[in-house]
PDB file of N, CA and C in Angstrom:
ATOM      1  N   UNK A   1       2.658 -28.251  16.797  1.00  0.00           N
ATOM      2  CA  UNK A   1       1.539 -27.523  17.336  1.00  0.00           C
ATOM      3  C   UNK A   1       0.346 -27.692  16.389  1.00  0.00           C
ATOM      4  N   UNK A   2      -0.813 -27.962  16.960  1.00  0.00           N
ATOM      5  CA  UNK A   2      -1.994 -28.122  16.108  1.00  0.00           C
ATOM      6  C   UNK A   2      -2.527 -26.749  15.696  1.00  0.00           C
ATOM      7  N   UNK A   3      -3.351 -26.721  14.658  1.00  0.00           N
ATOM      8  CA  UNK A   3      -3.825 -25.481  14.061  1.00  0.00           C
ATOM      9  C   UNK A   3      -4.652 -24.639  15.048  1.00  0.00           C
ATOM     10  N   UNK A   4      -5.510 -25.264  15.831  1.00  0.00           N
ATOM     11  CA  UNK A   4      -6.328 -24.519  16.782  1.00  0.00           C
ATOM     12  C   UNK A   4      -5.464 -23.835  17.840  1.00  0.00           C
ATOM     13  N   UNK A   5      -4.456 -24.528  18.327  1.00  0.00           N
ATOM     14  CA  UNK A   5      -3.549 -23.931  19.309  1.00  0.00           C
ATOM     15  C   UNK A   5      -2.805 -22.751  18.694  1.00  0.00           C
ATOM     16  N   UNK A   6      -2.353 -22.905  17.456  1.00  0.00           N
ATOM     17  CA  UNK A   6      -1.663 -21.816  16.772  1.00  0.00           C
ATOM     18  C   UNK A   6      -2.580 -20.596  16.641  1.00  0.00           C
ATOM     19  N   UNK A   7      -3.835 -20.807  16.266  1.00  0.00           N
ATOM     20  CA  UNK A   7      -4.805 -19.713  16.150  1.00  0.00           C
ATOM     21  C   UNK A   7      -5.001 -19.029  17.498  1.00  0.00           C
ATOM     22  N   UNK A   8      -5.101 -19.802  18.555  1.00  0.00           N
ATOM     23  CA  UNK A   8      -5.293 -19.235  19.892  1.00  0.00           C
ATOM     24  C   UNK A   8      -4.085 -18.419  20.331  1.00  0.00           C
ATOM     25  N   UNK A   9      -2.890 -18.889  20.015  1.00  0.00           N
ATOM     26  CA  UNK A   9      -1.673 -18.152  20.358  1.00  0.00           C
ATOM     27  C   UNK A   9      -1.589 -16.872  19.542  1.00  0.00           C
ATOM     28  N   UNK A  10      -1.918 -16.951  18.256  1.00  0.00           N
ATOM     29  CA  UNK A  10      -1.915 -15.742  17.425  1.00  0.00           C
ATOM     30  C   UNK A  10      -2.923 -14.723  17.951  1.00  0.00           C
ATOM     31  N   UNK A  11      -4.114 -15.178  18.323  1.00  0.00           N
ATOM     32  CA  UNK A  11      -5.138 -14.288  18.869  1.00  0.00           C
ATOM     33  C   UNK A  11      -4.671 -13.647  20.171  1.00  0.00           C
ATOM     34  N   UNK A  12      -4.008 -14.422  21.019  1.00  0.00           N
ATOM     35  CA  UNK A  12      -3.490 -13.887  22.285  1.00  0.00           C
ATOM     36  C   UNK A  12      -2.417 -12.830  22.022  1.00  0.00           C
ATOM     37  N   UNK A  13      -1.564 -13.065  21.041  1.00  0.00           N
ATOM     38  CA  UNK A  13      -0.524 -12.093  20.696  1.00  0.00           C
ATOM     39  C   UNK A  13      -1.161 -10.805  20.159  1.00  0.00           C
ATOM     40  N   UNK A  14      -2.189 -10.940  19.338  1.00  0.00           N
ATOM     41  CA  UNK A  14      -2.904  -9.766  18.829  1.00  0.00           C
ATOM     42  C   UNK A  14      -3.529  -8.980  19.983  1.00  0.00           C
ATOM     43  N   UNK A  15      -4.188  -9.674  20.898  1.00  0.00           N
ATOM     44  CA  UNK A  15      -4.808  -8.998  22.046  1.00  0.00           C
ATOM     45  C   UNK A  15      -3.759  -8.280  22.889  1.00  0.00           C
ATOM     46  N   UNK A  16      -2.581  -8.869  23.037  1.00  0.00           N
ATOM     47  CA  UNK A  16      -1.524  -8.226  23.817  1.00  0.00           C
ATOM     48  C   UNK A  16      -0.991  -6.982  23.107  1.00  0.00           C
ATOM     49  N   UNK A  17      -0.836  -7.048  21.780  1.00  0.00           N
ATOM     50  CA  UNK A  17      -0.432  -5.877  21.009  1.00  0.00           C
ATOM     51  C   UNK A  17      -1.484  -4.779  21.145  1.00  0.00           C
ATOM     52  N   UNK A  18      -2.738  -5.158  21.033  1.00  0.00           N
ATOM     53  CA  UNK A  18      -3.826  -4.194  21.174  1.00  0.00           C
ATOM     54  C   UNK A  18      -3.786  -3.540  22.558  1.00  0.00           C
ATOM     55  N   UNK A  19      -3.631  -4.325  23.606  1.00  0.00           N
ATOM     56  CA  UNK A  19      -3.552  -3.787  24.962  1.00  0.00           C
ATOM     57  C   UNK A  19      -2.364  -2.840  25.093  1.00  0.00           C
ATOM     58  N   UNK A  20      -1.242  -3.239  24.551  1.00  0.00           N
ATOM     59  CA  UNK A  20      -0.043  -2.404  24.622  1.00  0.00           C
ATOM     60  C   UNK A  20      -0.296  -1.036  23.980  1.00  0.00           C
ATOM     61  N   UNK A  21      -0.901  -1.043  22.794  1.00  0.00           N
ATOM     62  CA  UNK A  21      -1.124   0.206  22.069  1.00  0.00           C
ATOM     63  C   UNK A  21      -2.287   1.024  22.627  1.00  0.00           C
ATOM     64  N   UNK A  22      -3.289   0.344  23.192  1.00  0.00           N
ATOM     65  CA  UNK A  22      -4.488   1.047  23.653  1.00  0.00           C
ATOM     66  C   UNK A  22      -4.425   1.440  25.125  1.00  0.00           C
ATOM     67  N   UNK A  23      -3.660   0.717  25.920  1.00  0.00           N
ATOM     68  CA  UNK A  23      -3.612   0.997  27.357  1.00  0.00           C
ATOM     69  C   UNK A  23      -2.225   1.432  27.821  1.00  0.00           C
ATOM     70  N   UNK A  24      -1.218   0.685  27.425  1.00  0.00           N
ATOM     71  CA  UNK A  24       0.131   0.941  27.938  1.00  0.00           C
ATOM     72  C   UNK A  24       0.809   2.131  27.255  1.00  0.00           C
ATOM     73  N   UNK A  25       0.534   2.341  25.970  1.00  0.00           N
ATOM     74  CA  UNK A  25       1.239   3.383  25.203  1.00  0.00           C
ATOM     75  C   UNK A  25       0.273   4.293  24.442  1.00  0.00           C
ATOM     76  N   UNK A  26      -0.714   4.817  25.147  1.00  0.00           N
ATOM     77  CA  UNK A  26      -1.640   5.773  24.530  1.00  0.00           C
ATOM     78  C   UNK A  26      -0.903   7.012  24.030  1.00  0.00           C
ATOM     79  N   UNK A  27       0.271   7.266  24.615  1.00  0.00           N
ATOM     80  CA  UNK A  27       1.055   8.448  24.258  1.00  0.00           C
ATOM     81  C   UNK A  27       1.673   8.353  22.866  1.00  0.00           C
ATOM     82  N   UNK A  28       1.838   7.159  22.345  1.00  0.00           N
ATOM     83  CA  UNK A  28       2.431   6.990  21.023  1.00  0.00           C
ATOM     84  C   UNK A  28       1.377   7.338  19.975  1.00  0.00           C
ATOM     85  N   UNK A  29       1.705   8.299  19.148  1.00  0.00           N
ATOM     86  CA  UNK A  29       0.757   8.792  18.151  1.00  0.00           C
ATOM     87  C   UNK A  29       0.722   7.877  16.927  1.00  0.00           C
ATOM     88  N   UNK A  30      -0.473   7.729  16.343  1.00  0.00           N
ATOM     89  CA  UNK A  30      -0.624   6.934  15.126  1.00  0.00           C
ATOM     90  C   UNK A  30       0.306   7.421  14.023  1.00  0.00           C
ATOM     91  N   UNK A  31       0.426   8.731  13.866  1.00  0.00           N
ATOM     92  CA  UNK A  31       1.257   9.273  12.789  1.00  0.00           C
ATOM     93  C   UNK A  31       2.717   8.855  12.969  1.00  0.00           C
ATOM     94  N   UNK A  32       3.185   8.808  14.222  1.00  0.00           N
ATOM     95  CA  UNK A  32       4.564   8.366  14.470  1.00  0.00           C
ATOM     96  C   UNK A  32       4.730   6.885  14.154  1.00  0.00           C
ATOM     97  N   UNK A  33       3.741   6.082  14.526  1.00  0.00           N
ATOM     98  CA  UNK A  33       3.795   4.650  14.206  1.00  0.00           C
ATOM     99  C   UNK A  33       3.835   4.451  12.694  1.00  0.00           C
ATOM    100  N   UNK A  34       2.961   5.159  11.986  1.00  0.00           N
ATOM    101  CA  UNK A  34       2.891   5.006  10.534  1.00  0.00           C
ATOM    102  C   UNK A  34       4.200   5.444   9.886  1.00  0.00           C
ATOM    103  N   UNK A  35       4.745   6.560  10.353  1.00  0.00           N
ATOM    104  CA  UNK A  35       5.985   7.074   9.767  1.00  0.00           C
ATOM    105  C   UNK A  35       7.170   6.155  10.031  1.00  0.00           C
ATOM    106  N   UNK A  36       7.185   5.495  11.185  1.00  0.00           N
ATOM    107  CA  UNK A  36       8.309   4.623  11.527  1.00  0.00           C
ATOM    108  C   UNK A  36       8.119   3.175  11.079  1.00  0.00           C
ATOM    109  N   UNK A  37       6.903   2.665  11.232  1.00  0.00           N
ATOM    110  CA  UNK A  37       6.688   1.234  11.016  1.00  0.00           C
ATOM    111  C   UNK A  37       5.821   0.906   9.805  1.00  0.00           C
ATOM    112  N   UNK A  38       5.150   1.899   9.252  1.00  0.00           N
ATOM    113  CA  UNK A  38       4.305   1.641   8.089  1.00  0.00           C
ATOM    114  C   UNK A  38       2.939   1.094   8.443  1.00  0.00           C
ATOM    115  N   UNK A  39       2.568   1.132   9.726  1.00  0.00           N
ATOM    116  CA  UNK A  39       1.227   0.753  10.153  1.00  0.00           C
ATOM    117  C   UNK A  39       0.927   1.469  11.465  1.00  0.00           C
ATOM    118  N   UNK A  40      -0.353   1.542  11.801  1.00  0.00           N
ATOM    119  CA  UNK A  40      -0.758   2.191  13.047  1.00  0.00           C
ATOM    120  C   UNK A  40      -2.015   1.502  13.578  1.00  0.00           C
ATOM    121  N   UNK A  41      -2.602   2.067  14.599  1.00  0.00           N
ATOM    122  CA  UNK A  41      -3.825   1.495  15.172  1.00  0.00           C
ATOM    123  C   UNK A  41      -4.943   1.421  14.132  1.00  0.00           C
ATOM    124  N   UNK A  42      -5.024   2.442  13.271  1.00  0.00           N
ATOM    125  CA  UNK A  42      -6.064   2.431  12.241  1.00  0.00           C
ATOM    126  C   UNK A  42      -5.856   1.286  11.256  1.00  0.00           C
ATOM    127  N   UNK A  43      -4.609   0.968  10.958  1.00  0.00           N
ATOM    128  CA  UNK A  43      -4.333  -0.179  10.089  1.00  0.00           C
ATOM    129  C   UNK A  43      -4.797  -1.466  10.762  1.00  0.00           C
ATOM    130  N   UNK A  44      -4.499  -1.615  12.047  1.00  0.00           N
ATOM    131  CA  UNK A  44      -4.941  -2.802  12.783  1.00  0.00           C
ATOM    132  C   UNK A  44      -6.464  -2.895  12.786  1.00  0.00           C
ATOM    133  N   UNK A  45      -7.134  -1.754  12.955  1.00  0.00           N
ATOM    134  CA  UNK A  45      -8.601  -1.741  12.919  1.00  0.00           C
ATOM    135  C   UNK A  45      -9.103  -2.131  11.528  1.00  0.00           C
ATOM    136  N   UNK A  46      -8.423  -1.643  10.483  1.00  0.00           N
ATOM    137  CA  UNK A  46      -8.823  -1.993   9.116  1.00  0.00           C
ATOM    138  C   UNK A  46      -8.606  -3.477   8.847  1.00  0.00           C
ATOM    139  N   UNK A  47      -7.486  -4.014   9.326  1.00  0.00           N
ATOM    140  CA  UNK A  47      -7.226  -5.445   9.135  1.00  0.00           C
ATOM    141  C   UNK A  47      -8.269  -6.279   9.874  1.00  0.00           C
ATOM    142  N   UNK A  48      -8.680  -5.816  11.034  1.00  0.00           N
ATOM    143  CA  UNK A  48      -9.749  -6.482  11.800  1.00  0.00           C
ATOM    144  C   UNK A  48     -11.034  -6.469  10.975  1.00  0.00           C
ATOM    145  N   UNK A  49     -11.372  -5.303  10.440  1.00  0.00           N
ATOM    146  CA  UNK A  49     -12.571  -5.165   9.604  1.00  0.00           C
ATOM    147  C   UNK A  49     -12.496  -6.074   8.388  1.00  0.00           C
ATOM    148  N   UNK A  50     -11.356  -6.068   7.717  1.00  0.00           N
ATOM    149  CA  UNK A  50     -11.193  -6.907   6.523  1.00  0.00           C
ATOM    150  C   UNK A  50     -11.331  -8.389   6.864  1.00  0.00           C
ATOM    151  N   UNK A  51     -10.786  -8.810   7.997  1.00  0.00           N
ATOM    152  CA  UNK A  51     -10.906 -10.209   8.418  1.00  0.00           C
ATOM    153  C   UNK A  51     -12.367 -10.554   8.697  1.00  0.00           C
ATOM    154  N   UNK A  52     -13.091  -9.645   9.320  1.00  0.00           N
ATOM    155  CA  UNK A  52     -14.521  -9.871   9.560  1.00  0.00           C
ATOM    156  C   UNK A  52     -15.269  -9.984   8.239  1.00  0.00           C
ATOM    157  N   UNK A  53     -14.984  -9.057   7.322  1.00  0.00           N
ATOM    158  CA  UNK A  53     -15.633  -9.097   6.010  1.00  0.00           C
ATOM    159  C   UNK A  53     -15.322 -10.393   5.274  1.00  0.00           C
ATOM    160  N   UNK A  54     -14.072 -10.868   5.383  1.00  0.00           N
ATOM    161  CA  UNK A  54     -13.681 -12.129   4.743  1.00  0.00           C
ATOM    162  C   UNK A  54     -14.469 -13.314   5.288  1.00  0.00           C
ATOM    163  N   UNK A  55     -14.925 -13.185   6.539  1.00  0.00           N
ATOM    164  CA  UNK A  55     -15.727 -14.244   7.167  1.00  0.00           C
ATOM    165  C   UNK A  55     -17.222 -14.043   6.930  1.00  0.00           C
ATOM    166  N   UNK A  56     -17.580 -13.052   6.092  1.00  0.00           N
ATOM    167  CA  UNK A  56     -18.979 -12.800   5.782  1.00  0.00           C
ATOM    168  C   UNK A  56     -19.683 -11.922   6.811  1.00  0.00           C
ATOM    169  N   UNK A  57     -18.924 -11.306   7.698  1.00  0.00           N
ATOM    170  CA  UNK A  57     -19.493 -10.410   8.705  1.00  0.00           C
ATOM    171  C   UNK A  57     -19.402  -8.995   8.162  1.00  0.00           C
ATOM    172  N   UNK A  58     -20.559  -8.346   8.019  1.00  0.00           N
ATOM    173  CA  UNK A  58     -20.564  -6.983   7.510  1.00  0.00           C
ATOM    174  C   UNK A  58     -20.047  -6.042   8.586  1.00  0.00           C
ATOM    175  N   UNK A  59     -18.996  -5.311   8.247  1.00  0.00           N
ATOM    176  CA  UNK A  59     -18.413  -4.355   9.173  1.00  0.00           C
ATOM    177  C   UNK A  59     -17.814  -3.243   8.330  1.00  0.00           C
ATOM    178  N   UNK A  60     -18.217  -2.002   8.614  1.00  0.00           N
ATOM    179  CA  UNK A  60     -17.634  -0.882   7.891  1.00  0.00           C
ATOM    180  C   UNK A  60     -16.436  -0.331   8.649  1.00  0.00           C
ATOM    181  N   UNK A  61     -15.804   0.676   8.078  1.00  0.00           N
ATOM    182  CA  UNK A  61     -14.588   1.257   8.641  1.00  0.00           C
ATOM    183  C   UNK A  61     -14.793   1.736  10.072  1.00  0.00           C
ATOM    184  N   UNK A  62     -15.862   2.468  10.309  1.00  0.00           N
ATOM    185  CA  UNK A  62     -16.102   3.005  11.656  1.00  0.00           C
ATOM    186  C   UNK A  62     -16.378   1.898  12.663  1.00  0.00           C
ATOM    187  N   UNK A  63     -17.110   0.876  12.273  1.00  0.00           N
ATOM    188  CA  UNK A  63     -17.381  -0.252  13.175  1.00  0.00           C
ATOM    189  C   UNK A  63     -16.093  -1.009  13.482  1.00  0.00           C
ATOM    190  N   UNK A  64     -15.228  -1.159  12.494  1.00  0.00           N
ATOM    191  CA  UNK A  64     -13.942  -1.803  12.709  1.00  0.00           C
ATOM    192  C   UNK A  64     -13.081  -1.018  13.675  1.00  0.00           C
ATOM    193  N   UNK A  65     -13.083   0.298  13.508  1.00  0.00           N
ATOM    194  CA  UNK A  65     -12.311   1.143  14.423  1.00  0.00           C
ATOM    195  C   UNK A  65     -12.873   1.068  15.841  1.00  0.00           C
ATOM    196  N   UNK A  66     -14.188   1.110  15.961  1.00  0.00           N
ATOM    197  CA  UNK A  66     -14.773   1.043  17.300  1.00  0.00           C
ATOM    198  C   UNK A  66     -14.492  -0.310  17.955  1.00  0.00           C
ATOM    199  N   UNK A  67     -14.515  -1.377  17.163  1.00  0.00           N
ATOM    200  CA  UNK A  67     -14.194  -2.702  17.701  1.00  0.00           C
ATOM    201  C   UNK A  67     -12.750  -2.738  18.190  1.00  0.00           C
ATOM    202  N   UNK A  68     -11.839  -2.119  17.440  1.00  0.00           N
ATOM    203  CA  UNK A  68     -10.427  -2.141  17.826  1.00  0.00           C
ATOM    204  C   UNK A  68     -10.144  -1.180  18.979  1.00  0.00           C
ATOM    205  N   UNK A  69     -10.623   0.049  18.856  1.00  0.00           N
ATOM    206  CA  UNK A  69     -10.332   1.080  19.863  1.00  0.00           C
ATOM    207  C   UNK A  69     -11.135   0.905  21.152  1.00  0.00           C
ATOM    208  N   UNK A  70     -12.258   0.183  21.071  1.00  0.00           N
ATOM    209  CA  UNK A  70     -13.102   0.018  22.245  1.00  0.00           C
ATOM    210  C   UNK A  70     -13.942   1.256  22.526  1.00  0.00           C
ATOM    211  N   UNK A  71     -13.998   2.145  21.573  1.00  0.00           N
ATOM    212  CA  UNK A  71     -14.766   3.384  21.675  1.00  0.00           C
ATOM    213  C   UNK A  71     -14.829   3.981  20.276  1.00  0.00           C
ATOM    214  N   UNK A  72     -15.726   4.920  20.044  1.00  0.00           N
ATOM    215  CA  UNK A  72     -15.712   5.581  18.731  1.00  0.00           C
ATOM    216  C   UNK A  72     -14.353   6.242  18.493  1.00  0.00           C
ATOM    217  N   UNK A  73     -13.888   6.175  17.260  1.00  0.00           N
ATOM    218  CA  UNK A  73     -12.576   6.738  16.930  1.00  0.00           C
ATOM    219  C   UNK A  73     -12.514   8.222  17.261  1.00  0.00           C
ATOM    220  N   UNK A  74     -13.616   8.938  17.059  1.00  0.00           N
ATOM    221  CA  UNK A  74     -13.633  10.372  17.365  1.00  0.00           C
ATOM    222  C   UNK A  74     -13.342  10.620  18.845  1.00  0.00           C
ATOM    223  N   UNK A  75     -13.828   9.736  19.699  1.00  0.00           N
ATOM    224  CA  UNK A  75     -13.558   9.853  21.138  1.00  0.00           C
ATOM    225  C   UNK A  75     -12.068   9.621  21.428  1.00  0.00           C
ATOM    226  N   UNK A  76     -11.472   8.594  20.798  1.00  0.00           N
ATOM    227  CA  UNK A  76     -10.041   8.332  20.975  1.00  0.00           C
ATOM    228  C   UNK A  76      -9.229   9.558  20.550  1.00  0.00           C
ATOM    229  N   UNK A  77      -9.562  10.107  19.382  1.00  0.00           N
ATOM    230  CA  UNK A  77      -8.826  11.273  18.888  1.00  0.00           C
ATOM    231  C   UNK A  77      -8.913  12.434  19.872  1.00  0.00           C
ATOM    232  N   UNK A  78     -10.110  12.695  20.378  1.00  0.00           N
ATOM    233  CA  UNK A  78     -10.286  13.801  21.331  1.00  0.00           C
ATOM    234  C   UNK A  78      -9.468  13.592  22.602  1.00  0.00           C
ATOM    235  N   UNK A  79      -9.397  12.349  23.061  1.00  0.00           N
ATOM    236  CA  UNK A  79      -8.695  12.051  24.312  1.00  0.00           C
ATOM    237  C   UNK A  79      -7.179  11.987  24.164  1.00  0.00           C
ATOM    238  N   UNK A  80      -6.686  11.432  23.060  1.00  0.00           N
ATOM    239  CA  UNK A  80      -5.268  11.059  22.997  1.00  0.00           C
ATOM    240  C   UNK A  80      -4.470  11.613  21.824  1.00  0.00           C
ATOM    241  N   UNK A  81      -5.123  12.038  20.772  1.00  0.00           N
ATOM    242  CA  UNK A  81      -4.365  12.461  19.592  1.00  0.00           C
ATOM    243  C   UNK A  81      -3.926  13.916  19.732  1.00  0.00           C
ATOM    244  N   UNK A  82      -2.673  14.172  19.389  1.00  0.00           N
ATOM    245  CA  UNK A  82      -2.133  15.533  19.427  1.00  0.00           C
ATOM    246  C   UNK A  82      -1.939  16.038  17.998  1.00  0.00           C
ATOM    247  N   UNK A  83      -1.756  17.328  17.878  1.00  0.00           N
ATOM    248  CA  UNK A  83      -1.545  17.943  16.565  1.00  0.00           C
ATOM    249  C   UNK A  83      -0.175  17.538  16.029  1.00  0.00           C
ATOM    250  N   UNK A  84      -0.143  17.148  14.765  1.00  0.00           N
ATOM    251  CA  UNK A  84       1.113  16.731  14.133  1.00  0.00           C
ATOM    252  C   UNK A  84       1.737  17.909  13.393  1.00  0.00           C
ATOM    253  N   UNK A  85       3.041  17.973  13.437  1.00  0.00           N
ATOM    254  CA  UNK A  85       3.766  19.032  12.721  1.00  0.00           C
ATOM    255  C   UNK A  85       3.616  18.831  11.213  1.00  0.00           C
ATOM    256  N   UNK A  86       3.887  19.887  10.467  1.00  0.00           N
ATOM    257  CA  UNK A  86       3.842  19.797   9.011  1.00  0.00           C
ATOM    258  C   UNK A  86       4.851  18.767   8.503  1.00  0.00           C
ATOM    259  N   UNK A  87       5.999  18.664   9.165  1.00  0.00           N
ATOM    260  CA  UNK A  87       7.019  17.687   8.791  1.00  0.00           C
ATOM    261  C   UNK A  87       6.490  16.260   8.955  1.00  0.00           C
ATOM    262  N   UNK A  88       5.828  15.987  10.093  1.00  0.00           N
ATOM    263  CA  UNK A  88       5.257  14.652  10.323  1.00  0.00           C
ATOM    264  C   UNK A  88       4.134  14.364   9.331  1.00  0.00           C
ATOM    265  N   UNK A  89       3.326  15.376   9.015  1.00  0.00           N
ATOM    266  CA  UNK A  89       2.238  15.182   8.056  1.00  0.00           C
ATOM    267  C   UNK A  89       2.771  14.842   6.671  1.00  0.00           C
ATOM    268  N   UNK A  90       3.867  15.493   6.265  1.00  0.00           N
ATOM    269  CA  UNK A  90       4.476  15.204   4.966  1.00  0.00           C
ATOM    270  C   UNK A  90       5.045  13.783   4.940  1.00  0.00           C
ATOM    271  N   UNK A  91       5.707  13.385   6.036  1.00  0.00           N
ATOM    272  CA  UNK A  91       6.244  12.023   6.123  1.00  0.00           C
ATOM    273  C   UNK A  91       5.121  11.001   6.113  1.00  0.00           C
ATOM    274  N   UNK A  92       4.003  11.338   6.764  1.00  0.00           N
ATOM    275  CA  UNK A  92       2.849  10.436   6.795  1.00  0.00           C
ATOM    276  C   UNK A  92       2.306  10.201   5.390  1.00  0.00           C
ATOM    277  N   UNK A  93       2.215  11.249   4.615  1.00  0.00           N
ATOM    278  CA  UNK A  93       1.689  11.100   3.253  1.00  0.00           C
ATOM    279  C   UNK A  93       2.510  10.067   2.478  1.00  0.00           C
ATOM    280  N   UNK A  94       3.813  10.146   2.587  1.00  0.00           N
ATOM    281  CA  UNK A  94       4.701   9.193   1.909  1.00  0.00           C
ATOM    282  C   UNK A  94       4.495   7.791   2.474  1.00  0.00           C
ATOM    283  N   UNK A  95       4.509   7.672   3.811  1.00  0.00           N
ATOM    284  CA  UNK A  95       4.355   6.360   4.454  1.00  0.00           C
ATOM    285  C   UNK A  95       3.007   5.741   4.104  1.00  0.00           C
ATOM    286  N   UNK A  96       1.960   6.545   4.082  1.00  0.00           N
ATOM    287  CA  UNK A  96       0.628   6.040   3.760  1.00  0.00           C
ATOM    288  C   UNK A  96       0.602   5.506   2.332  1.00  0.00           C
ATOM    289  N   UNK A  97       1.116   6.284   1.401  1.00  0.00           N
ATOM    290  CA  UNK A  97       1.119   5.848   0.001  1.00  0.00           C
ATOM    291  C   UNK A  97       1.938   4.580  -0.202  1.00  0.00           C
ATOM    292  N   UNK A  98       3.055   4.468   0.498  1.00  0.00           N
ATOM    293  CA  UNK A  98       3.911   3.285   0.360  1.00  0.00           C
ATOM    294  C   UNK A  98       3.288   2.040   0.989  1.00  0.00           C
ATOM    295  N   UNK A  99       2.542   2.213   2.076  1.00  0.00           N
ATOM    296  CA  UNK A  99       2.059   1.064   2.849  1.00  0.00           C
ATOM    297  C   UNK A  99       0.578   0.774   2.704  1.00  0.00           C
ATOM    298  N   UNK A 100      -0.202   1.764   2.352  1.00  0.00           N
ATOM    299  CA  UNK A 100      -1.654   1.571   2.277  1.00  0.00           C
ATOM    300  C   UNK A 100      -2.149   1.812   0.866  1.00  0.00           C
ATOM    301  N   UNK A 101      -1.672   2.843   0.232  1.00  0.00           N
ATOM    302  CA  UNK A 101      -2.102   3.200  -1.105  1.00  0.00           C
ATOM    303  C   UNK A 101      -2.344   4.684  -1.182  1.00  0.00           C
ATOM    304  N   UNK A 102      -2.712   5.136  -2.324  1.00  0.00           N
ATOM    305  CA  UNK A 102      -2.958   6.558  -2.548  1.00  0.00           C
ATOM    306  C   UNK A 102      -4.148   7.021  -1.721  1.00  0.00           C
ATOM    307  N   UNK A 103      -4.018   8.198  -1.124  1.00  0.00           N
ATOM    308  CA  UNK A 103      -5.131   8.794  -0.381  1.00  0.00           C
ATOM    309  C   UNK A 103      -6.154   9.327  -1.374  1.00  0.00           C
ATOM    310  N   UNK A 104      -7.417   9.358  -0.892  1.00  0.00           N
ATOM    311  CA  UNK A 104      -8.472   9.993  -1.675  1.00  0.00           C
ATOM    312  C   UNK A 104      -8.993   9.086  -2.675  1.00  0.00           C
TER     313      UNK A 104
END
């Protein structure tokens, strides 16, 4: 397989994952994804932002999230995010530190 075809297939797979998480499974909470898999929609948005920055495209955290979510993150949270239990929040803190780094 040539490099351009590989890039196109990778991009298609990313778009399908994005569609799955943004349209097919809006019910799955970011905190549950992070606690189980060590990444969530926000991580995907950050990786998108980092890739843009690596290409010399200025993009901040909020712009990266809006590009990934297709709307401002605050709007997504209002529409789809539910309150997490204290147990899930504690697990998230551990998962975040292990997979992303220290908060704050």
